Amino acid sequence: MEKLLSRRANIFALALFTICIMDTISTGIILQLFGGREFNPIMNFVIKHGGIGLMAAVKILTVIMAVVPLELARAKNIISEKRYKGYYLSAILLYLGIYVCFFMVANT
């Protein structure tokens, strides 16, 4: 049972990191090849002052800062399995929602 929970956790974390990486890659391509504009004001500031590399680092570190405390809380049984899944699914849907909204605004 413990391995099943661990695999499930890995799938949630992997999904979140995959979305982050796809967001970073697509943003980098759009900015570098097509002269696009970053509509997220925080990421726009990061790109202006540190480039695409710093943007990638900030995005990945942001996801890590969400995943690590959640995994620690679950490992120490501080949160229930239901709440754990809910937090992950909320984070995934929120990330996708924000990404799609910014992408649509940038391309209309």
C-alpha atoms as a PDB file:
ATOM      1  CA  MET A   1       0.000   0.000   0.000  1.00  0.00           C
ATOM      2  CA  GLU A   2       2.831   2.386   0.864  1.00  0.00           C
ATOM      3  CA  LYS A   3       4.369   1.935  -2.604  1.00  0.00           C
ATOM      4  CA  LEU A   4       1.007   2.670  -4.224  1.00  0.00           C
ATOM      5  CA  LEU A   5       0.753   5.930  -2.306  1.00  0.00           C
ATOM      6  CA  SER A   6       4.332   6.727  -3.211  1.00  0.00           C
ATOM      7  CA  ARG A   7       3.673   6.072  -6.914  1.00  0.00           C
ATOM      8  CA  ARG A   8       0.552   8.190  -6.797  1.00  0.00           C
ATOM      9  CA  ALA A   9       2.515  10.997  -5.150  1.00  0.00           C
ATOM     10  CA  ASN A  10       5.178  10.711  -7.792  1.00  0.00           C
ATOM     11  CA  ILE A  11       2.535  10.996 -10.518  1.00  0.00           C
ATOM     12  CA  PHE A  12       1.103  14.182  -8.983  1.00  0.00           C
ATOM     13  CA  ALA A  13       4.552  15.719  -8.550  1.00  0.00           C
ATOM     14  CA  LEU A  14       5.600  14.607 -12.025  1.00  0.00           C
ATOM     15  CA  ALA A  15       2.468  16.167 -13.538  1.00  0.00           C
ATOM     16  CA  LEU A  16       3.175  19.466 -11.801  1.00  0.00           C
ATOM     17  CA  PHE A  17       6.826  19.482 -12.897  1.00  0.00           C
ATOM     18  CA  THR A  18       5.855  18.505 -16.460  1.00  0.00           C
ATOM     19  CA  ILE A  19       3.441  21.417 -16.695  1.00  0.00           C
ATOM     20  CA  CYS A  20       6.138  23.734 -15.331  1.00  0.00           C
ATOM     21  CA  ILE A  21       8.727  22.495 -17.823  1.00  0.00           C
ATOM     22  CA  MET A  22       6.322  22.744 -20.769  1.00  0.00           C
ATOM     23  CA  ASP A  23       5.383  26.268 -19.659  1.00  0.00           C
ATOM     24  CA  THR A  24       9.056  27.234 -19.411  1.00  0.00           C
ATOM     25  CA  ILE A  25       9.970  25.731 -22.782  1.00  0.00           C
ATOM     26  CA  SER A  26       7.006  27.244 -24.617  1.00  0.00           C
ATOM     27  CA  THR A  27       7.600  30.647 -23.014  1.00  0.00           C
ATOM     28  CA  GLY A  28      11.293  30.521 -23.935  1.00  0.00           C
ATOM     29  CA  ILE A  29      10.512  29.581 -27.539  1.00  0.00           C
ATOM     30  CA  ILE A  30       7.885  32.280 -27.918  1.00  0.00           C
ATOM     31  CA  LEU A  31      10.149  34.936 -26.399  1.00  0.00           C
ATOM     32  CA  GLN A  32      13.335  33.945 -28.229  1.00  0.00           C
ATOM     33  CA  LEU A  33      12.045  32.955 -31.668  1.00  0.00           C
ATOM     34  CA  PHE A  34       8.922  35.016 -32.090  1.00  0.00           C
ATOM     35  CA  GLY A  35       9.689  38.118 -30.028  1.00  0.00           C
ATOM     36  CA  GLY A  36       6.732  37.465 -27.784  1.00  0.00           C
ATOM     37  CA  ARG A  37       6.006  39.257 -24.555  1.00  0.00           C
ATOM     38  CA  GLU A  38       5.675  37.801 -21.060  1.00  0.00           C
ATOM     39  CA  PHE A  39       2.380  38.997 -19.593  1.00  0.00           C
ATOM     40  CA  ASN A  40       3.089  37.784 -16.067  1.00  0.00           C
ATOM     41  CA  PRO A  41       4.540  40.933 -14.458  1.00  0.00           C
ATOM     42  CA  ILE A  42       6.733  38.990 -12.026  1.00  0.00           C
ATOM     43  CA  MET A  43       8.220  36.774 -14.731  1.00  0.00           C
ATOM     44  CA  ASN A  44       8.571  39.792 -17.020  1.00  0.00           C
ATOM     45  CA  PHE A  45      10.708  41.469 -14.330  1.00  0.00           C
ATOM     46  CA  VAL A  46      12.760  38.280 -13.866  1.00  0.00           C
ATOM     47  CA  ILE A  47      13.364  37.939 -17.619  1.00  0.00           C
ATOM     48  CA  LYS A  48      14.374  41.591 -17.994  1.00  0.00           C
ATOM     49  CA  HIS A  49      16.911  41.311 -15.170  1.00  0.00           C
ATOM     50  CA  GLY A  50      18.149  37.742 -15.558  1.00  0.00           C
ATOM     51  CA  GLY A  51      17.061  36.307 -18.882  1.00  0.00           C
ATOM     52  CA  ILE A  52      15.402  33.041 -19.797  1.00  0.00           C
ATOM     53  CA  GLY A  53      17.728  30.979 -17.589  1.00  0.00           C
ATOM     54  CA  LEU A  54      16.700  32.827 -14.448  1.00  0.00           C
ATOM     55  CA  MET A  55      13.054  32.569 -15.471  1.00  0.00           C
ATOM     56  CA  ALA A  56      13.399  28.779 -15.766  1.00  0.00           C
ATOM     57  CA  ALA A  57      15.104  28.588 -12.377  1.00  0.00           C
ATOM     58  CA  VAL A  58      12.411  30.712 -10.701  1.00  0.00           C
ATOM     59  CA  LYS A  59       9.584  28.634 -12.191  1.00  0.00           C
ATOM     60  CA  ILE A  60      11.159  25.326 -11.173  1.00  0.00           C
ATOM     61  CA  LEU A  61      12.034  26.583  -7.688  1.00  0.00           C
ATOM     62  CA  THR A  62       8.468  27.796  -7.247  1.00  0.00           C
ATOM     63  CA  VAL A  63       7.144  24.311  -7.985  1.00  0.00           C
ATOM     64  CA  ILE A  64       9.746  22.750  -5.684  1.00  0.00           C
ATOM     65  CA  MET A  65       8.666  25.121  -2.889  1.00  0.00           C
ATOM     66  CA  ALA A  66       5.098  23.828  -3.334  1.00  0.00           C
ATOM     67  CA  VAL A  67       5.948  20.124  -3.681  1.00  0.00           C
ATOM     68  CA  VAL A  68       8.477  19.653  -0.856  1.00  0.00           C
ATOM     69  CA  PRO A  69       6.312  20.921   2.037  1.00  0.00           C
ATOM     70  CA  LEU A  70       3.350  18.962   0.707  1.00  0.00           C
ATOM     71  CA  GLU A  71       5.390  15.755   0.490  1.00  0.00           C
ATOM     72  CA  LEU A  72       6.836  16.305   3.975  1.00  0.00           C
ATOM     73  CA  ALA A  73       3.394  16.939   5.439  1.00  0.00           C
ATOM     74  CA  ARG A  74       2.053  13.774   3.834  1.00  0.00           C
ATOM     75  CA  ALA A  75       5.067  11.682   4.900  1.00  0.00           C
ATOM     76  CA  LYS A  76       4.581  12.776   8.519  1.00  0.00           C
ATOM     77  CA  ASN A  77       0.801  12.196   8.341  1.00  0.00           C
ATOM     78  CA  ILE A  78       0.079  15.864   9.009  1.00  0.00           C
ATOM     79  CA  ILE A  79      -2.501  15.934   6.215  1.00  0.00           C
ATOM     80  CA  SER A  80      -4.941  13.267   5.084  1.00  0.00           C
ATOM     81  CA  GLU A  81      -4.710  11.465   1.761  1.00  0.00           C
ATOM     82  CA  LYS A  82      -7.868  13.236   0.583  1.00  0.00           C
ATOM     83  CA  ARG A  83      -6.498  16.683   1.409  1.00  0.00           C
ATOM     84  CA  TYR A  84      -3.127  15.740  -0.088  1.00  0.00           C
ATOM     85  CA  LYS A  85      -4.759  14.823  -3.406  1.00  0.00           C
ATOM     86  CA  GLY A  86      -6.909  17.931  -3.252  1.00  0.00           C
ATOM     87  CA  TYR A  87      -3.902  20.213  -2.805  1.00  0.00           C
ATOM     88  CA  TYR A  88      -2.074  18.607  -5.721  1.00  0.00           C
ATOM     89  CA  LEU A  89      -5.084  18.672  -8.022  1.00  0.00           C
ATOM     90  CA  SER A  90      -5.797  22.286  -7.060  1.00  0.00           C
ATOM     91  CA  ALA A  91      -2.195  23.260  -7.795  1.00  0.00           C
ATOM     92  CA  ILE A  92      -2.258  21.466 -11.150  1.00  0.00           C
ATOM     93  CA  LEU A  93      -5.572  23.022 -12.199  1.00  0.00           C
ATOM     94  CA  LEU A  94      -4.528  26.472 -10.990  1.00  0.00           C
ATOM     95  CA  TYR A  95      -1.233  26.300 -12.878  1.00  0.00           C
ATOM     96  CA  LEU A  96      -2.967  25.128 -16.059  1.00  0.00           C
ATOM     97  CA  GLY A  97      -5.704  27.743 -15.691  1.00  0.00           C
ATOM     98  CA  ILE A  98      -3.286  30.618 -15.218  1.00  0.00           C
ATOM     99  CA  TYR A  99      -1.090  29.370 -18.061  1.00  0.00           C
ATOM    100  CA  VAL A 100      -4.020  29.073 -20.476  1.00  0.00           C
ATOM    101  CA  CYS A 101      -5.378  32.516 -19.500  1.00  0.00           C
ATOM    102  CA  PHE A 102      -2.010  34.241 -19.977  1.00  0.00           C
ATOM    103  CA  PHE A 103      -1.432  32.316 -23.221  1.00  0.00           C
ATOM    104  CA  MET A 104      -4.820  33.361 -24.591  1.00  0.00           C
ATOM    105  CA  VAL A 105      -4.317  37.000 -23.587  1.00  0.00           C
ATOM    106  CA  ALA A 106      -0.876  37.034 -25.167  1.00  0.00           C
ATOM    107  CA  ASN A 107      -2.103  35.565 -28.431  1.00  0.00           C
ATOM    108  CA  THR A 108      -5.265  37.565 -29.059  1.00  0.00           C
END
